[in-house]
Amino acid sequence: MRATAEKDIDNSWLISTSIFKKPISKVTLTFRQTSTPSTSPVLWLDNWTKKNSNRPKPTMLWSLTKTNRVASTQQPSRAAHAIMNLADINKSHTITSI
């Protein structure tokens, strides 16, 4: 899995990745600030990037913290949980609820 995250000038975040179903297509998600900061993906991404800069491979979004490896295509759940942990998202939330 490859993805990029970029902070835009209006403080929104653009996440670009690919869907590996036939035909392969590119996807870009835009996250903007919400009225409730604690549930805002923008706040989560800001927290994540601050903590991520201390990791061995900070440019890799899907880097697994415990193994210091990039997640394989069979490990998206682990990678998502690693990102949730770095973003200070409560572990009681499921990935699909985020």
PDB file of N, CA and C in Angstrom:
ATOM      1  N   MET A   1       0.843  -1.171   0.000  1.00  0.00           N
ATOM      2  CA  MET A   1       0.000   0.000   0.000  1.00  0.00           C
ATOM      3  C   MET A   1       0.889   1.235   0.000  1.00  0.00           C
ATOM      4  N   ARG A   2       0.544   2.182  -0.811  1.00  0.00           N
ATOM      5  CA  ARG A   2       1.263   3.454  -0.840  1.00  0.00           C
ATOM      6  C   ARG A   2       0.245   4.570  -0.713  1.00  0.00           C
ATOM      7  N   ALA A   3       0.586   5.537   0.117  1.00  0.00           N
ATOM      8  CA  ALA A   3      -0.297   6.680   0.311  1.00  0.00           C
ATOM      9  C   ALA A   3       0.545   7.893   0.669  1.00  0.00           C
ATOM     10  N   THR A   4       0.014   9.058   0.372  1.00  0.00           N
ATOM     11  CA  THR A   4       0.675  10.293   0.764  1.00  0.00           C
ATOM     12  C   THR A   4      -0.323  11.163   1.510  1.00  0.00           C
ATOM     13  N   ALA A   5       0.186  11.937   2.442  1.00  0.00           N
ATOM     14  CA  ALA A   5      -0.633  12.886   3.187  1.00  0.00           C
ATOM     15  C   ALA A   5       0.021  14.248   3.075  1.00  0.00           C
ATOM     16  N   GLU A   6      -0.764  15.222   2.680  1.00  0.00           N
ATOM     17  CA  GLU A   6      -0.245  16.581   2.532  1.00  0.00           C
ATOM     18  C   GLU A   6      -1.188  17.554   3.215  1.00  0.00           C
ATOM     19  N   LYS A   7      -0.596  18.487   3.970  1.00  0.00           N
ATOM     20  CA  LYS A   7      -1.402  19.532   4.590  1.00  0.00           C
ATOM     21  C   LYS A   7      -1.527  20.678   3.599  1.00  0.00           C
ATOM     22  N   ASP A   8      -2.768  21.098   3.357  1.00  0.00           N
ATOM     23  CA  ASP A   8      -3.042  22.156   2.391  1.00  0.00           C
ATOM     24  C   ASP A   8      -2.968  23.523   3.081  1.00  0.00           C
ATOM     25  N   ILE A   9      -2.972  24.583   2.304  1.00  0.00           N
ATOM     26  CA  ILE A   9      -2.834  25.922   2.868  1.00  0.00           C
ATOM     27  C   ILE A   9      -4.037  26.338   3.722  1.00  0.00           C
ATOM     28  N   ASP A  10      -5.193  25.710   3.523  1.00  0.00           N
ATOM     29  CA  ASP A  10      -6.372  26.023   4.334  1.00  0.00           C
ATOM     30  C   ASP A  10      -6.491  25.107   5.557  1.00  0.00           C
ATOM     31  N   ASN A  11      -5.388  24.453   5.945  1.00  0.00           N
ATOM     32  CA  ASN A  11      -5.302  23.526   7.083  1.00  0.00           C
ATOM     33  C   ASN A  11      -6.106  22.246   6.891  1.00  0.00           C
ATOM     34  N   SER A  12      -6.540  21.953   5.689  1.00  0.00           N
ATOM     35  CA  SER A  12      -7.158  20.659   5.405  1.00  0.00           C
ATOM     36  C   SER A  12      -6.043  19.675   5.053  1.00  0.00           C
ATOM     37  N   TRP A  13      -6.364  18.407   5.071  1.00  0.00           N
ATOM     38  CA  TRP A  13      -5.395  17.362   4.736  1.00  0.00           C
ATOM     39  C   TRP A  13      -5.873  16.616   3.508  1.00  0.00           C
ATOM     40  N   LEU A  14      -4.972  16.327   2.592  1.00  0.00           N
ATOM     41  CA  LEU A  14      -5.270  15.535   1.401  1.00  0.00           C
ATOM     42  C   LEU A  14      -4.540  14.205   1.518  1.00  0.00           C
ATOM     43  N   ILE A  15      -5.287  13.120   1.509  1.00  0.00           N
ATOM     44  CA  ILE A  15      -4.724  11.772   1.555  1.00  0.00           C
ATOM     45  C   ILE A  15      -4.928  11.160   0.175  1.00  0.00           C
ATOM     46  N   SER A  16      -3.845  10.763  -0.464  1.00  0.00           N
ATOM     47  CA  SER A  16      -3.919  10.153  -1.799  1.00  0.00           C
ATOM     48  C   SER A  16      -3.408   8.729  -1.723  1.00  0.00           C
ATOM     49  N   THR A  17      -4.166   7.810  -2.295  1.00  0.00           N
ATOM     50  CA  THR A  17      -3.785   6.400  -2.299  1.00  0.00           C
ATOM     51  C   THR A  17      -4.385   5.744  -3.539  1.00  0.00           C
ATOM     52  N   SER A  18      -4.242   4.436  -3.640  1.00  0.00           N
ATOM     53  CA  SER A  18      -4.775   3.680  -4.776  1.00  0.00           C
ATOM     54  C   SER A  18      -5.658   2.551  -4.286  1.00  0.00           C
ATOM     55  N   ILE A  19      -6.625   2.196  -5.101  1.00  0.00           N
ATOM     56  CA  ILE A  19      -7.454   1.021  -4.854  1.00  0.00           C
ATOM     57  C   ILE A  19      -6.951  -0.061  -5.793  1.00  0.00           C
ATOM     58  N   PHE A  20      -6.610  -1.214  -5.234  1.00  0.00           N
ATOM     59  CA  PHE A  20      -5.987  -2.268  -6.024  1.00  0.00           C
ATOM     60  C   PHE A  20      -6.980  -3.288  -6.560  1.00  0.00           C
ATOM     61  N   LYS A  21      -8.193  -2.857  -6.846  1.00  0.00           N
ATOM     62  CA  LYS A  21      -9.146  -3.723  -7.526  1.00  0.00           C
ATOM     63  C   LYS A  21      -9.055  -3.399  -8.999  1.00  0.00           C
ATOM     64  N   LYS A  22      -9.467  -4.316  -9.821  1.00  0.00           N
ATOM     65  CA  LYS A  22      -9.402  -4.084 -11.264  1.00  0.00           C
ATOM     66  C   LYS A  22     -10.547  -3.196 -11.689  1.00  0.00           C
ATOM     67  N   PRO A  23     -10.362  -2.153 -12.405  1.00  0.00           N
ATOM     68  CA  PRO A  23      -9.094  -1.530 -12.755  1.00  0.00           C
ATOM     69  C   PRO A  23      -8.559  -0.726 -11.566  1.00  0.00           C
ATOM     70  N   ILE A  24      -7.247  -0.616 -11.475  1.00  0.00           N
ATOM     71  CA  ILE A  24      -6.613   0.141 -10.400  1.00  0.00           C
ATOM     72  C   ILE A  24      -6.978   1.614 -10.561  1.00  0.00           C
ATOM     73  N   SER A  25      -7.418   2.214  -9.480  1.00  0.00           N
ATOM     74  CA  SER A  25      -7.800   3.623  -9.553  1.00  0.00           C
ATOM     75  C   SER A  25      -7.195   4.400  -8.389  1.00  0.00           C
ATOM     76  N   LYS A  26      -7.044   5.686  -8.580  1.00  0.00           N
ATOM     77  CA  LYS A  26      -6.491   6.550  -7.541  1.00  0.00           C
ATOM     78  C   LYS A  26      -7.629   7.193  -6.757  1.00  0.00           C
ATOM     79  N   VAL A  27      -7.389   7.370  -5.458  1.00  0.00           N
ATOM     80  CA  VAL A  27      -8.381   7.958  -4.572  1.00  0.00           C
ATOM     81  C   VAL A  27      -7.716   9.092  -3.799  1.00  0.00           C
ATOM     82  N   THR A  28      -8.401  10.209  -3.678  1.00  0.00           N
ATOM     83  CA  THR A  28      -7.923  11.310  -2.847  1.00  0.00           C
ATOM     84  C   THR A  28      -9.031  11.692  -1.878  1.00  0.00           C
ATOM     85  N   LEU A  29      -8.699  11.681  -0.594  1.00  0.00           N
ATOM     86  CA  LEU A  29      -9.637  12.078   0.448  1.00  0.00           C
ATOM     87  C   LEU A  29      -9.206  13.430   0.990  1.00  0.00           C
ATOM     88  N   THR A  30     -10.160  14.307   1.242  1.00  0.00           N
ATOM     89  CA  THR A  30      -9.869  15.608   1.830  1.00  0.00           C
ATOM     90  C   THR A  30     -10.531  15.677   3.198  1.00  0.00           C
ATOM     91  N   PHE A  31      -9.737  15.968   4.223  1.00  0.00           N
ATOM     92  CA  PHE A  31     -10.249  16.120   5.580  1.00  0.00           C
ATOM     93  C   PHE A  31     -10.162  17.588   5.967  1.00  0.00           C
ATOM     94  N   ARG A  32     -11.292  18.132   6.461  1.00  0.00           N
ATOM     95  CA  ARG A  32     -11.331  19.518   6.914  1.00  0.00           C
ATOM     96  C   ARG A  32     -11.691  19.561   8.395  1.00  0.00           C
ATOM     97  N   GLN A  33     -11.353  20.660   9.045  1.00  0.00           N
ATOM     98  CA  GLN A  33     -11.640  20.850  10.467  1.00  0.00           C
ATOM     99  C   GLN A  33     -13.140  20.776  10.718  1.00  0.00           C
ATOM    100  N   THR A  34     -13.527  20.096  11.800  1.00  0.00           N
ATOM    101  CA  THR A  34     -14.934  20.029  12.194  1.00  0.00           C
ATOM    102  C   THR A  34     -15.174  20.981  13.358  1.00  0.00           C
ATOM    103  N   SER A  35     -16.425  21.150  13.727  1.00  0.00           N
ATOM    104  CA  SER A  35     -16.750  22.048  14.836  1.00  0.00           C
ATOM    105  C   SER A  35     -16.329  21.474  16.185  1.00  0.00           C
ATOM    106  N   THR A  36     -16.193  20.157  16.265  1.00  0.00           N
ATOM    107  CA  THR A  36     -15.757  19.512  17.499  1.00  0.00           C
ATOM    108  C   THR A  36     -14.329  19.013  17.306  1.00  0.00           C
ATOM    109  N   PRO A  37     -13.342  19.683  17.897  1.00  0.00           N
ATOM    110  CA  PRO A  37     -11.942  19.308  17.657  1.00  0.00           C
ATOM    111  C   PRO A  37     -11.598  17.863  18.031  1.00  0.00           C
ATOM    112  N   SER A  38     -12.215  17.319  19.082  1.00  0.00           N
ATOM    113  CA  SER A  38     -11.849  15.968  19.517  1.00  0.00           C
ATOM    114  C   SER A  38     -12.251  14.890  18.519  1.00  0.00           C
ATOM    115  N   THR A  39     -13.192  15.188  17.633  1.00  0.00           N
ATOM    116  CA  THR A  39     -13.600  14.208  16.621  1.00  0.00           C
ATOM    117  C   THR A  39     -13.146  14.609  15.227  1.00  0.00           C
ATOM    118  N   SER A  40     -12.234  15.539  15.166  1.00  0.00           N
ATOM    119  CA  SER A  40     -11.794  16.061  13.880  1.00  0.00           C
ATOM    120  C   SER A  40     -10.623  15.270  13.310  1.00  0.00           C
ATOM    121  N   PRO A  41     -10.759  14.739  12.101  1.00  0.00           N
ATOM    122  CA  PRO A  41      -9.626  14.064  11.462  1.00  0.00           C
ATOM    123  C   PRO A  41      -8.423  14.991  11.288  1.00  0.00           C
ATOM    124  N   VAL A  42      -8.664  16.284  11.174  1.00  0.00           N
ATOM    125  CA  VAL A  42      -7.557  17.238  11.033  1.00  0.00           C
ATOM    126  C   VAL A  42      -6.702  17.229  12.297  1.00  0.00           C
ATOM    127  N   LEU A  43      -7.339  17.235  13.466  1.00  0.00           N
ATOM    128  CA  LEU A  43      -6.602  17.172  14.730  1.00  0.00           C
ATOM    129  C   LEU A  43      -5.829  15.863  14.828  1.00  0.00           C
ATOM    130  N   TRP A  44      -6.461  14.764  14.442  1.00  0.00           N
ATOM    131  CA  TRP A  44      -5.792  13.464  14.487  1.00  0.00           C
ATOM    132  C   TRP A  44      -4.561  13.455  13.586  1.00  0.00           C
ATOM    133  N   LEU A  45      -4.717  13.984  12.368  1.00  0.00           N
ATOM    134  CA  LEU A  45      -3.589  14.009  11.437  1.00  0.00           C
ATOM    135  C   LEU A  45      -2.474  14.929  11.930  1.00  0.00           C
ATOM    136  N   ASP A  46      -2.831  16.051  12.538  1.00  0.00           N
ATOM    137  CA  ASP A  46      -1.808  16.937  13.106  1.00  0.00           C
ATOM    138  C   ASP A  46      -1.028  16.225  14.211  1.00  0.00           C
ATOM    139  N   ASN A  47      -1.756  15.552  15.128  1.00  0.00           N
ATOM    140  CA  ASN A  47      -1.091  14.796  16.201  1.00  0.00           C
ATOM    141  C   ASN A  47      -0.208  13.700  15.626  1.00  0.00           C
ATOM    142  N   TRP A  48      -0.743  12.995  14.645  1.00  0.00           N
ATOM    143  CA  TRP A  48      -0.013  11.876  14.059  1.00  0.00           C
ATOM    144  C   TRP A  48       1.288  12.332  13.413  1.00  0.00           C
ATOM    145  N   THR A  49       1.243  13.429  12.664  1.00  0.00           N
ATOM    146  CA  THR A  49       2.458  13.883  11.983  1.00  0.00           C
ATOM    147  C   THR A  49       3.505  14.375  12.971  1.00  0.00           C
ATOM    148  N   LYS A  50       3.074  14.962  14.078  1.00  0.00           N
ATOM    149  CA  LYS A  50       4.039  15.390  15.100  1.00  0.00           C
ATOM    150  C   LYS A  50       4.766  14.184  15.692  1.00  0.00           C
ATOM    151  N   LYS A  51       4.011  13.136  16.038  1.00  0.00           N
ATOM    152  CA  LYS A  51       4.625  11.938  16.617  1.00  0.00           C
ATOM    153  C   LYS A  51       5.351  11.114  15.563  1.00  0.00           C
ATOM    154  N   ASN A  52       4.842  11.129  14.343  1.00  0.00           N
ATOM    155  CA  ASN A  52       5.413  10.328  13.268  1.00  0.00           C
ATOM    156  C   ASN A  52       6.822  10.776  12.909  1.00  0.00           C
ATOM    157  N   SER A  53       7.137  12.036  13.095  1.00  0.00           N
ATOM    158  CA  SER A  53       8.462  12.538  12.716  1.00  0.00           C
ATOM    159  C   SER A  53       9.576  11.899  13.539  1.00  0.00           C
ATOM    160  N   ASN A  54       9.247  11.303  14.677  1.00  0.00           N
ATOM    161  CA  ASN A  54      10.245  10.635  15.517  1.00  0.00           C
ATOM    162  C   ASN A  54      10.451   9.171  15.149  1.00  0.00           C
ATOM    163  N   ARG A  55       9.658   8.661  14.219  1.00  0.00           N
ATOM    164  CA  ARG A  55       9.759   7.250  13.840  1.00  0.00           C
ATOM    165  C   ARG A  55      10.906   7.040  12.865  1.00  0.00           C
ATOM    166  N   PRO A  56      11.405   5.789  12.773  1.00  0.00           N
ATOM    167  CA  PRO A  56      12.525   5.501  11.858  1.00  0.00           C
ATOM    168  C   PRO A  56      12.217   5.778  10.391  1.00  0.00           C
ATOM    169  N   LYS A  57      10.973   5.560   9.959  1.00  0.00           N
ATOM    170  CA  LYS A  57      10.595   5.780   8.559  1.00  0.00           C
ATOM    171  C   LYS A  57       9.388   6.718   8.509  1.00  0.00           C
ATOM    172  N   PRO A  58       9.578   7.989   8.840  1.00  0.00           N
ATOM    173  CA  PRO A  58       8.429   8.891   8.947  1.00  0.00           C
ATOM    174  C   PRO A  58       7.716   9.182   7.639  1.00  0.00           C
ATOM    175  N   THR A  59       8.356   8.947   6.507  1.00  0.00           N
ATOM    176  CA  THR A  59       7.700   9.240   5.232  1.00  0.00           C
ATOM    177  C   THR A  59       6.752   8.135   4.793  1.00  0.00           C
ATOM    178  N   MET A  60       6.754   7.019   5.460  1.00  0.00           N
ATOM    179  CA  MET A  60       5.898   5.898   5.084  1.00  0.00           C
ATOM    180  C   MET A  60       4.667   5.874   5.976  1.00  0.00           C
ATOM    181  N   LEU A  61       3.512   6.171   5.386  1.00  0.00           N
ATOM    182  CA  LEU A  61       2.278   6.245   6.157  1.00  0.00           C
ATOM    183  C   LEU A  61       1.902   4.915   6.786  1.00  0.00           C
ATOM    184  N   TRP A  62       2.193   3.829   6.104  1.00  0.00           N
ATOM    185  CA  TRP A  62       1.758   2.515   6.573  1.00  0.00           C
ATOM    186  C   TRP A  62       2.861   1.773   7.300  1.00  0.00           C
ATOM    187  N   SER A  63       3.758   2.495   7.933  1.00  0.00           N
ATOM    188  CA  SER A  63       4.852   1.883   8.680  1.00  0.00           C
ATOM    189  C   SER A  63       4.321   1.361  10.012  1.00  0.00           C
ATOM    190  N   LEU A  64       4.632   0.109  10.313  1.00  0.00           N
ATOM    191  CA  LEU A  64       4.199  -0.491  11.567  1.00  0.00           C
ATOM    192  C   LEU A  64       5.203  -0.135  12.660  1.00  0.00           C
ATOM    193  N   THR A  65       4.719   0.389  13.769  1.00  0.00           N
ATOM    194  CA  THR A  65       5.584   0.878  14.837  1.00  0.00           C
ATOM    195  C   THR A  65       6.369  -0.241  15.505  1.00  0.00           C
ATOM    196  N   LYS A  66       5.718  -1.349  15.808  1.00  0.00           N
ATOM    197  CA  LYS A  66       6.382  -2.416  16.564  1.00  0.00           C
ATOM    198  C   LYS A  66       7.485  -3.104  15.775  1.00  0.00           C
ATOM    199  N   THR A  67       7.291  -3.285  14.484  1.00  0.00           N
ATOM    200  CA  THR A  67       8.268  -4.026  13.680  1.00  0.00           C
ATOM    201  C   THR A  67       9.167  -3.129  12.842  1.00  0.00           C
ATOM    202  N   ASN A  68       8.852  -1.831  12.789  1.00  0.00           N
ATOM    203  CA  ASN A  68       9.585  -0.879  11.945  1.00  0.00           C
ATOM    204  C   ASN A  68       9.631  -1.320  10.484  1.00  0.00           C
ATOM    205  N   ARG A  69       8.536  -1.892  10.022  1.00  0.00           N
ATOM    206  CA  ARG A  69       8.395  -2.312   8.625  1.00  0.00           C
ATOM    207  C   ARG A  69       7.158  -1.667   8.024  1.00  0.00           C
ATOM    208  N   VAL A  70       7.131  -1.653   6.716  1.00  0.00           N
ATOM    209  CA  VAL A  70       5.942  -1.166   6.022  1.00  0.00           C
ATOM    210  C   VAL A  70       4.920  -2.298   5.995  1.00  0.00           C
ATOM    211  N   ALA A  71       3.664  -1.970   6.248  1.00  0.00           N
ATOM    212  CA  ALA A  71       2.609  -2.979   6.257  1.00  0.00           C
ATOM    213  C   ALA A  71       2.420  -3.566   4.866  1.00  0.00           C
ATOM    214  N   SER A  72       2.189  -4.866   4.837  1.00  0.00           N
ATOM    215  CA  SER A  72       1.907  -5.524   3.562  1.00  0.00           C
ATOM    216  C   SER A  72       0.437  -5.309   3.218  1.00  0.00           C
ATOM    217  N   THR A  73       0.042  -5.737   2.048  1.00  0.00           N
ATOM    218  CA  THR A  73      -1.360  -5.589   1.649  1.00  0.00           C
ATOM    219  C   THR A  73      -2.283  -6.468   2.487  1.00  0.00           C
ATOM    220  N   GLN A  74      -1.720  -7.428   3.226  1.00  0.00           N
ATOM    221  CA  GLN A  74      -2.520  -8.270   4.112  1.00  0.00           C
ATOM    222  C   GLN A  74      -2.622  -7.677   5.520  1.00  0.00           C
ATOM    223  N   GLN A  75      -1.993  -6.534   5.770  1.00  0.00           N
ATOM    224  CA  GLN A  75      -1.969  -5.965   7.113  1.00  0.00           C
ATOM    225  C   GLN A  75      -2.580  -4.562   7.211  1.00  0.00           C
ATOM    226  N   PRO A  76      -3.627  -4.248   6.474  1.00  0.00           N
ATOM    227  CA  PRO A  76      -4.157  -2.880   6.562  1.00  0.00           C
ATOM    228  C   PRO A  76      -4.733  -2.547   7.932  1.00  0.00           C
ATOM    229  N   SER A  77      -5.293  -3.535   8.609  1.00  0.00           N
ATOM    230  CA  SER A  77      -5.865  -3.278   9.927  1.00  0.00           C
ATOM    231  C   SER A  77      -4.775  -2.894  10.925  1.00  0.00           C
ATOM    232  N   ARG A  78      -3.663  -3.610  10.898  1.00  0.00           N
ATOM    233  CA  ARG A  78      -2.546  -3.273  11.795  1.00  0.00           C
ATOM    234  C   ARG A  78      -2.021  -1.877  11.513  1.00  0.00           C
ATOM    235  N   ALA A  79      -1.895  -1.553  10.251  1.00  0.00           N
ATOM    236  CA  ALA A  79      -1.391  -0.230   9.878  1.00  0.00           C
ATOM    237  C   ALA A  79      -2.358   0.859  10.332  1.00  0.00           C
ATOM    238  N   ALA A  80      -3.646   0.620  10.144  1.00  0.00           N
ATOM    239  CA  ALA A  80      -4.638   1.608  10.571  1.00  0.00           C
ATOM    240  C   ALA A  80      -4.611   1.793  12.082  1.00  0.00           C
ATOM    241  N   HIS A  81      -4.451   0.696  12.829  1.00  0.00           N
ATOM    242  CA  HIS A  81      -4.352   0.801  14.284  1.00  0.00           C
ATOM    243  C   HIS A  81      -3.086   1.547  14.704  1.00  0.00           C
ATOM    244  N   ALA A  82      -1.985   1.349  13.996  1.00  0.00           N
ATOM    245  CA  ALA A  82      -0.746   2.070  14.308  1.00  0.00           C
ATOM    246  C   ALA A  82      -0.947   3.567  14.107  1.00  0.00           C
ATOM    247  N   ILE A  83      -1.625   3.942  13.029  1.00  0.00           N
ATOM    248  CA  ILE A  83      -1.900   5.353  12.770  1.00  0.00           C
ATOM    249  C   ILE A  83      -2.853   5.911  13.828  1.00  0.00           C
ATOM    250  N   MET A  84      -3.879   5.137  14.198  1.00  0.00           N
ATOM    251  CA  MET A  84      -4.806   5.581  15.236  1.00  0.00           C
ATOM    252  C   MET A  84      -4.073   5.823  16.546  1.00  0.00           C
ATOM    253  N   ASN A  85      -3.126   4.948  16.877  1.00  0.00           N
ATOM    254  CA  ASN A  85      -2.353   5.098  18.106  1.00  0.00           C
ATOM    255  C   ASN A  85      -1.529   6.382  18.078  1.00  0.00           C
ATOM    256  N   LEU A  86      -0.863   6.643  16.972  1.00  0.00           N
ATOM    257  CA  LEU A  86      -0.058   7.858  16.853  1.00  0.00           C
ATOM    258  C   LEU A  86      -0.914   9.122  16.850  1.00  0.00           C
ATOM    259  N   ALA A  87      -2.148   9.008  16.396  1.00  0.00           N
ATOM    260  CA  ALA A  87      -3.044  10.165  16.332  1.00  0.00           C
ATOM    261  C   ALA A  87      -3.810  10.391  17.629  1.00  0.00           C
ATOM    262  N   ASP A  88      -3.518   9.578  18.654  1.00  0.00           N
ATOM    263  CA  ASP A  88      -4.202   9.669  19.950  1.00  0.00           C
ATOM    264  C   ASP A  88      -5.695   9.403  19.851  1.00  0.00           C
ATOM    265  N   ILE A  89      -6.083   8.502  18.953  1.00  0.00           N
ATOM    266  CA  ILE A  89      -7.487   8.108  18.844  1.00  0.00           C
ATOM    267  C   ILE A  89      -7.721   6.975  19.828  1.00  0.00           C
ATOM    268  N   ASN A  90      -8.772   7.096  20.618  1.00  0.00           N
ATOM    269  CA  ASN A  90      -9.095   6.111  21.638  1.00  0.00           C
ATOM    270  C   ASN A  90      -9.201   4.713  21.027  1.00  0.00           C
ATOM    271  N   LYS A  91      -8.604   3.727  21.687  1.00  0.00           N
ATOM    272  CA  LYS A  91      -8.595   2.355  21.165  1.00  0.00           C
ATOM    273  C   LYS A  91      -9.972   1.698  21.182  1.00  0.00           C
ATOM    274  N   SER A  92     -10.926   2.298  21.889  1.00  0.00           N
ATOM    275  CA  SER A  92     -12.263   1.703  21.930  1.00  0.00           C
ATOM    276  C   SER A  92     -13.014   1.896  20.610  1.00  0.00           C
ATOM    277  N   HIS A  93     -12.542   2.826  19.767  1.00  0.00           N
ATOM    278  CA  HIS A  93     -13.180   3.036  18.468  1.00  0.00           C
ATOM    279  C   HIS A  93     -12.711   1.971  17.479  1.00  0.00           C
ATOM    280  N   THR A  94     -13.626   1.493  16.668  1.00  0.00           N
ATOM    281  CA  THR A  94     -13.247   0.559  15.613  1.00  0.00           C
ATOM    282  C   THR A  94     -12.780   1.351  14.401  1.00  0.00           C
ATOM    283  N   ILE A  95     -12.064   0.695  13.528  1.00  0.00           N
ATOM    284  CA  ILE A  95     -11.561   1.370  12.335  1.00  0.00           C
ATOM    285  C   ILE A  95     -12.715   1.856  11.474  1.00  0.00           C
ATOM    286  N   THR A  96     -13.758   1.047  11.359  1.00  0.00           N
ATOM    287  CA  THR A  96     -14.878   1.443  10.501  1.00  0.00           C
ATOM    288  C   THR A  96     -15.682   2.596  11.090  1.00  0.00           C
ATOM    289  N   SER A  97     -15.624   2.801  12.404  1.00  0.00           N
ATOM    290  CA  SER A  97     -16.360   3.924  13.000  1.00  0.00           C
ATOM    291  C   SER A  97     -15.620   5.238  12.832  1.00  0.00           C
ATOM    292  N   ILE A  98     -14.341   5.166  12.538  1.00  0.00           N
ATOM    293  CA  ILE A  98     -13.554   6.384  12.331  1.00  0.00           C
ATOM    294  C   ILE A  98     -13.841   6.855  10.945  1.00  0.00           C
TER     295      ILE A  98
END
